[in-house]
């Protein structure tokens, strides 16, 4: 995925070192909640150093706690 994937949209980028830490987990959940109101013309992107399996685990956990 590249920034070109989001052509025509404003981009908001959040950076979290690791989703496996309580602080980053809390930050991203709060950020995603606030970002949900930005609409379809805004691409919200999170960048982390986590490997795909850790990101997948976070996403499945986040989906089950909504």
PDB file of N, CA and C in Angstrom:
ATOM      1  N   UNK A   1       0.841  -1.159   0.000  1.00  0.00           N
ATOM      2  CA  UNK A   1       0.000   0.000   0.000  1.00  0.00           C
ATOM      3  C   UNK A   1       0.896   1.235   0.000  1.00  0.00           C
ATOM      4  N   UNK A   2       0.539   2.221  -0.781  1.00  0.00           N
ATOM      5  CA  UNK A   2       1.295   3.471  -0.834  1.00  0.00           C
ATOM      6  C   UNK A   2       0.335   4.633  -0.641  1.00  0.00           C
ATOM      7  N   UNK A   3       0.881   5.820  -0.459  1.00  0.00           N
ATOM      8  CA  UNK A   3       0.021   7.005  -0.337  1.00  0.00           C
ATOM      9  C   UNK A   3      -0.799   7.225  -1.603  1.00  0.00           C
ATOM     10  N   UNK A   4      -0.293   6.781  -2.747  1.00  0.00           N
ATOM     11  CA  UNK A   4      -1.047   6.895  -3.996  1.00  0.00           C
ATOM     12  C   UNK A   4      -2.349   6.096  -3.937  1.00  0.00           C
ATOM     13  N   UNK A   5      -2.414   5.100  -3.080  1.00  0.00           N
ATOM     14  CA  UNK A   5      -3.639   4.318  -2.899  1.00  0.00           C
ATOM     15  C   UNK A   5      -4.787   5.181  -2.382  1.00  0.00           C
ATOM     16  N   UNK A   6      -4.448   6.314  -1.814  1.00  0.00           N
ATOM     17  CA  UNK A   6      -5.444   7.203  -1.214  1.00  0.00           C
ATOM     18  C   UNK A   6      -5.552   8.525  -1.986  1.00  0.00           C
ATOM     19  N   UNK A   7      -5.274   8.470  -3.279  1.00  0.00           N
ATOM     20  CA  UNK A   7      -5.315   9.674  -4.118  1.00  0.00           C
ATOM     21  C   UNK A   7      -6.673  10.347  -4.013  1.00  0.00           C
ATOM     22  N   UNK A   8      -6.654  11.662  -3.945  1.00  0.00           N
ATOM     23  CA  UNK A   8      -7.884  12.439  -3.886  1.00  0.00           C
ATOM     24  C   UNK A   8      -8.466  12.593  -2.492  1.00  0.00           C
ATOM     25  N   UNK A   9      -7.833  11.997  -1.504  1.00  0.00           N
ATOM     26  CA  UNK A   9      -8.316  12.103  -0.128  1.00  0.00           C
ATOM     27  C   UNK A   9      -7.294  12.825   0.732  1.00  0.00           C
ATOM     28  N   UNK A  10      -7.782  13.503   1.733  1.00  0.00           N
ATOM     29  CA  UNK A  10      -6.874  14.043   2.748  1.00  0.00           C
ATOM     30  C   UNK A  10      -6.387  12.871   3.574  1.00  0.00           C
ATOM     31  N   UNK A  11      -5.154  12.924   3.998  1.00  0.00           N
ATOM     32  CA  UNK A  11      -4.568  11.819   4.737  1.00  0.00           C
ATOM     33  C   UNK A  11      -4.237  12.254   6.161  1.00  0.00           C
ATOM     34  N   UNK A  12      -4.701  11.466   7.114  1.00  0.00           N
ATOM     35  CA  UNK A  12      -4.372  11.683   8.519  1.00  0.00           C
ATOM     36  C   UNK A  12      -3.570  10.460   8.949  1.00  0.00           C
ATOM     37  N   UNK A  13      -2.373  10.701   9.452  1.00  0.00           N
ATOM     38  CA  UNK A  13      -1.476   9.594   9.786  1.00  0.00           C
ATOM     39  C   UNK A  13      -1.220   9.571  11.294  1.00  0.00           C
ATOM     40  N   UNK A  14      -1.412   8.401  11.869  1.00  0.00           N
ATOM     41  CA  UNK A  14      -1.117   8.169  13.280  1.00  0.00           C
ATOM     42  C   UNK A  14       0.045   7.176  13.329  1.00  0.00           C
ATOM     43  N   UNK A  15       0.944   7.371  14.271  1.00  0.00           N
ATOM     44  CA  UNK A  15       2.096   6.476  14.413  1.00  0.00           C
ATOM     45  C   UNK A  15       2.068   5.859  15.813  1.00  0.00           C
ATOM     46  N   UNK A  16       2.152   4.524  15.854  1.00  0.00           N
ATOM     47  CA  UNK A  16       2.226   3.808  17.125  1.00  0.00           C
ATOM     48  C   UNK A  16       3.387   2.819  17.038  1.00  0.00           C
ATOM     49  N   UNK A  17       4.325   2.874  17.972  1.00  0.00           N
ATOM     50  CA  UNK A  17       5.466   1.963  17.912  1.00  0.00           C
ATOM     51  C   UNK A  17       5.059   0.491  17.954  1.00  0.00           C
ATOM     52  N   UNK A  18       4.116   0.127  18.841  1.00  0.00           N
ATOM     53  CA  UNK A  18       3.689  -1.272  18.930  1.00  0.00           C
ATOM     54  C   UNK A  18       2.284  -1.345  19.501  1.00  0.00           C
ATOM     55  N   UNK A  19       1.414  -2.045  18.810  1.00  0.00           N
ATOM     56  CA  UNK A  19       0.035  -2.207  19.275  1.00  0.00           C
ATOM     57  C   UNK A  19      -0.055  -3.150  20.463  1.00  0.00           C
ATOM     58  N   UNK A  20       1.033  -3.800  20.800  1.00  0.00           N
ATOM     59  CA  UNK A  20       1.055  -4.719  21.934  1.00  0.00           C
ATOM     60  C   UNK A  20       1.353  -4.011  23.255  1.00  0.00           C
ATOM     61  N   UNK A  21       1.439  -2.694  23.254  1.00  0.00           N
ATOM     62  CA  UNK A  21       1.648  -1.963  24.502  1.00  0.00           C
ATOM     63  C   UNK A  21       0.348  -1.294  24.901  1.00  0.00           C
ATOM     64  N   UNK A  22       0.062  -1.198  26.181  1.00  0.00           N
ATOM     65  CA  UNK A  22      -1.199  -0.590  26.621  1.00  0.00           C
ATOM     66  C   UNK A  22      -1.368   0.862  26.160  1.00  0.00           C
ATOM     67  N   UNK A  23      -0.300   1.634  26.167  1.00  0.00           N
ATOM     68  CA  UNK A  23      -0.397   3.040  25.768  1.00  0.00           C
ATOM     69  C   UNK A  23      -0.747   3.163  24.284  1.00  0.00           C
ATOM     70  N   UNK A  24      -0.063   2.410  23.423  1.00  0.00           N
ATOM     71  CA  UNK A  24      -0.336   2.475  21.985  1.00  0.00           C
ATOM     72  C   UNK A  24      -1.728   1.937  21.663  1.00  0.00           C
ATOM     73  N   UNK A  25      -2.131   0.883  22.339  1.00  0.00           N
ATOM     74  CA  UNK A  25      -3.467   0.322  22.153  1.00  0.00           C
ATOM     75  C   UNK A  25      -4.523   1.375  22.487  1.00  0.00           C
ATOM     76  N   UNK A  26      -4.379   2.026  23.621  1.00  0.00           N
ATOM     77  CA  UNK A  26      -5.327   3.061  24.035  1.00  0.00           C
ATOM     78  C   UNK A  26      -5.313   4.236  23.063  1.00  0.00           C
ATOM     79  N   UNK A  27      -4.113   4.652  22.648  1.00  0.00           N
ATOM     80  CA  UNK A  27      -3.991   5.768  21.704  1.00  0.00           C
ATOM     81  C   UNK A  27      -4.715   5.471  20.402  1.00  0.00           C
ATOM     82  N   UNK A  28      -4.470   4.306  19.841  1.00  0.00           N
ATOM     83  CA  UNK A  28      -5.068   3.979  18.550  1.00  0.00           C
ATOM     84  C   UNK A  28      -6.579   3.829  18.651  1.00  0.00           C
ATOM     85  N   UNK A  29      -7.067   3.233  19.719  1.00  0.00           N
ATOM     86  CA  UNK A  29      -8.521   3.098  19.889  1.00  0.00           C
ATOM     87  C   UNK A  29      -9.186   4.477  19.983  1.00  0.00           C
ATOM     88  N   UNK A  30      -8.592   5.396  20.750  1.00  0.00           N
ATOM     89  CA  UNK A  30      -9.146   6.751  20.863  1.00  0.00           C
ATOM     90  C   UNK A  30      -9.053   7.478  19.526  1.00  0.00           C
ATOM     91  N   UNK A  31      -7.938   7.324  18.843  1.00  0.00           N
ATOM     92  CA  UNK A  31      -7.742   7.965  17.548  1.00  0.00           C
ATOM     93  C   UNK A  31      -8.770   7.456  16.537  1.00  0.00           C
ATOM     94  N   UNK A  32      -8.969   6.141  16.482  1.00  0.00           N
ATOM     95  CA  UNK A  32      -9.933   5.558  15.538  1.00  0.00           C
ATOM     96  C   UNK A  32     -11.349   6.006  15.837  1.00  0.00           C
ATOM     97  N   UNK A  33     -11.690   6.115  17.111  1.00  0.00           N
ATOM     98  CA  UNK A  33     -13.027   6.570  17.490  1.00  0.00           C
ATOM     99  C   UNK A  33     -13.263   8.001  17.004  1.00  0.00           C
ATOM    100  N   UNK A  34     -12.285   8.864  17.204  1.00  0.00           N
ATOM    101  CA  UNK A  34     -12.406  10.255  16.756  1.00  0.00           C
ATOM    102  C   UNK A  34     -12.394  10.345  15.229  1.00  0.00           C
ATOM    103  N   UNK A  35     -11.588   9.531  14.589  1.00  0.00           N
ATOM    104  CA  UNK A  35     -11.446   9.569  13.134  1.00  0.00           C
ATOM    105  C   UNK A  35     -12.681   9.069  12.406  1.00  0.00           C
ATOM    106  N   UNK A  36     -13.495   8.268  13.077  1.00  0.00           N
ATOM    107  CA  UNK A  36     -14.696   7.710  12.439  1.00  0.00           C
ATOM    108  C   UNK A  36     -15.652   8.797  11.960  1.00  0.00           C
ATOM    109  N   UNK A  37     -15.575   9.964  12.548  1.00  0.00           N
ATOM    110  CA  UNK A  37     -16.477  11.058  12.178  1.00  0.00           C
ATOM    111  C   UNK A  37     -15.942  11.929  11.045  1.00  0.00           C
ATOM    112  N   UNK A  38     -14.792  11.598  10.494  1.00  0.00           N
ATOM    113  CA  UNK A  38     -14.173  12.442   9.470  1.00  0.00           C
ATOM    114  C   UNK A  38     -14.776  12.261   8.078  1.00  0.00           C
ATOM    115  N   UNK A  39     -15.467  11.185   7.836  1.00  0.00           N
ATOM    116  CA  UNK A  39     -16.118  10.978   6.546  1.00  0.00           C
ATOM    117  C   UNK A  39     -15.254  10.252   5.531  1.00  0.00           C
ATOM    118  N   UNK A  40     -15.836  10.030   4.356  1.00  0.00           N
ATOM    119  CA  UNK A  40     -15.197   9.228   3.311  1.00  0.00           C
ATOM    120  C   UNK A  40     -14.098   9.949   2.538  1.00  0.00           C
ATOM    121  N   UNK A  41     -14.025  11.253   2.681  1.00  0.00           N
ATOM    122  CA  UNK A  41     -13.015  12.006   1.917  1.00  0.00           C
ATOM    123  C   UNK A  41     -11.677  12.080   2.650  1.00  0.00           C
ATOM    124  N   UNK A  42     -11.606  11.414   3.790  1.00  0.00           N
ATOM    125  CA  UNK A  42     -10.389  11.409   4.599  1.00  0.00           C
ATOM    126  C   UNK A  42      -9.919   9.970   4.770  1.00  0.00           C
ATOM    127  N   UNK A  43      -8.649   9.738   4.489  1.00  0.00           N
ATOM    128  CA  UNK A  43      -8.043   8.416   4.707  1.00  0.00           C
ATOM    129  C   UNK A  43      -7.283   8.471   6.033  1.00  0.00           C
ATOM    130  N   UNK A  44      -7.630   7.574   6.926  1.00  0.00           N
ATOM    131  CA  UNK A  44      -6.961   7.500   8.220  1.00  0.00           C
ATOM    132  C   UNK A  44      -6.001   6.318   8.167  1.00  0.00           C
ATOM    133  N   UNK A  45      -4.733   6.593   8.392  1.00  0.00           N
ATOM    134  CA  UNK A  45      -3.674   5.593   8.236  1.00  0.00           C
ATOM    135  C   UNK A  45      -2.905   5.489   9.547  1.00  0.00           C
ATOM    136  N   UNK A  46      -2.714   4.268  10.018  1.00  0.00           N
ATOM    137  CA  UNK A  46      -1.872   4.058  11.193  1.00  0.00           C
ATOM    138  C   UNK A  46      -0.609   3.332  10.751  1.00  0.00           C
ATOM    139  N   UNK A  47       0.512   3.797  11.245  1.00  0.00           N
ATOM    140  CA  UNK A  47       1.804   3.185  10.939  1.00  0.00           C
ATOM    141  C   UNK A  47       2.366   2.630  12.246  1.00  0.00           C
ATOM    142  N   UNK A  48       2.763   1.359  12.209  1.00  0.00           N
ATOM    143  CA  UNK A  48       3.386   0.767  13.392  1.00  0.00           C
ATOM    144  C   UNK A  48       4.548  -0.120  12.949  1.00  0.00           C
ATOM    145  N   UNK A  49       5.348  -0.510  13.893  1.00  0.00           N
ATOM    146  CA  UNK A  49       6.477  -1.399  13.629  1.00  0.00           C
ATOM    147  C   UNK A  49       6.074  -2.865  13.773  1.00  0.00           C
ATOM    148  N   UNK A  50       4.797  -3.117  14.055  1.00  0.00           N
ATOM    149  CA  UNK A  50       4.324  -4.484  14.272  1.00  0.00           C
ATOM    150  C   UNK A  50       4.339  -5.305  12.992  1.00  0.00           C
ATOM    151  N   UNK A  51       4.504  -6.600  13.159  1.00  0.00           N
ATOM    152  CA  UNK A  51       4.415  -7.542  12.049  1.00  0.00           C
ATOM    153  C   UNK A  51       2.942  -7.812  11.735  1.00  0.00           C
ATOM    154  N   UNK A  52       2.651  -8.291  10.527  1.00  0.00           N
ATOM    155  CA  UNK A  52       1.252  -8.509  10.135  1.00  0.00           C
ATOM    156  C   UNK A  52       0.429  -9.349  11.111  1.00  0.00           C
ATOM    157  N   UNK A  53       1.027 -10.381  11.735  1.00  0.00           N
ATOM    158  CA  UNK A  53       0.235 -11.205  12.664  1.00  0.00           C
ATOM    159  C   UNK A  53      -0.193 -10.407  13.889  1.00  0.00           C
ATOM    160  N   UNK A  54       0.648  -9.498  14.366  1.00  0.00           N
ATOM    161  CA  UNK A  54       0.293  -8.666  15.521  1.00  0.00           C
ATOM    162  C   UNK A  54      -0.791  -7.659  15.152  1.00  0.00           C
ATOM    163  N   UNK A  55      -0.708  -7.098  13.961  1.00  0.00           N
ATOM    164  CA  UNK A  55      -1.741  -6.157  13.501  1.00  0.00           C
ATOM    165  C   UNK A  55      -3.070  -6.890  13.345  1.00  0.00           C
ATOM    166  N   UNK A  56      -3.031  -8.085  12.778  1.00  0.00           N
ATOM    167  CA  UNK A  56      -4.246  -8.889  12.634  1.00  0.00           C
ATOM    168  C   UNK A  56      -4.876  -9.212  13.977  1.00  0.00           C
ATOM    169  N   UNK A  57      -4.056  -9.552  14.945  1.00  0.00           N
ATOM    170  CA  UNK A  57      -4.548  -9.850  16.293  1.00  0.00           C
ATOM    171  C   UNK A  57      -5.219  -8.619  16.891  1.00  0.00           C
ATOM    172  N   UNK A  58      -4.584  -7.455  16.746  1.00  0.00           N
ATOM    173  CA  UNK A  58      -5.161  -6.210  17.261  1.00  0.00           C
ATOM    174  C   UNK A  58      -6.506  -5.931  16.585  1.00  0.00           C
ATOM    175  N   UNK A  59      -6.538  -6.081  15.264  1.00  0.00           N
ATOM    176  CA  UNK A  59      -7.779  -5.790  14.525  1.00  0.00           C
ATOM    177  C   UNK A  59      -8.903  -6.730  14.936  1.00  0.00           C
ATOM    178  N   UNK A  60      -8.608  -8.001  15.130  1.00  0.00           N
ATOM    179  CA  UNK A  60      -9.664  -8.939  15.526  1.00  0.00           C
ATOM    180  C   UNK A  60     -10.130  -8.660  16.952  1.00  0.00           C
ATOM    181  N   UNK A  61      -9.228  -8.255  17.819  1.00  0.00           N
ATOM    182  CA  UNK A  61      -9.595  -7.901  19.190  1.00  0.00           C
ATOM    183  C   UNK A  61     -10.398  -6.607  19.201  1.00  0.00           C
ATOM    184  N   UNK A  62      -9.978  -5.630  18.421  1.00  0.00           N
ATOM    185  CA  UNK A  62     -10.683  -4.343  18.372  1.00  0.00           C
ATOM    186  C   UNK A  62     -12.095  -4.525  17.834  1.00  0.00           C
ATOM    187  N   UNK A  63     -12.267  -5.389  16.844  1.00  0.00           N
ATOM    188  CA  UNK A  63     -13.587  -5.616  16.273  1.00  0.00           C
ATOM    189  C   UNK A  63     -14.513  -6.280  17.283  1.00  0.00           C
ATOM    190  N   UNK A  64     -13.970  -7.125  18.134  1.00  0.00           N
ATOM    191  CA  UNK A  64     -14.819  -7.828  19.098  1.00  0.00           C
ATOM    192  C   UNK A  64     -15.158  -6.983  20.310  1.00  0.00           C
ATOM    193  N   UNK A  65     -14.497  -5.820  20.485  1.00  0.00           N
ATOM    194  CA  UNK A  65     -14.772  -4.967  21.650  1.00  0.00           C
ATOM    195  C   UNK A  65     -15.572  -3.733  21.272  1.00  0.00           C
ATOM    196  N   UNK A  66     -16.071  -3.672  20.067  1.00  0.00           N
ATOM    197  CA  UNK A  66     -16.871  -2.502  19.659  1.00  0.00           C
ATOM    198  C   UNK A  66     -18.226  -2.535  20.263  1.00  0.00           C
TER     199      UNK A  66
END
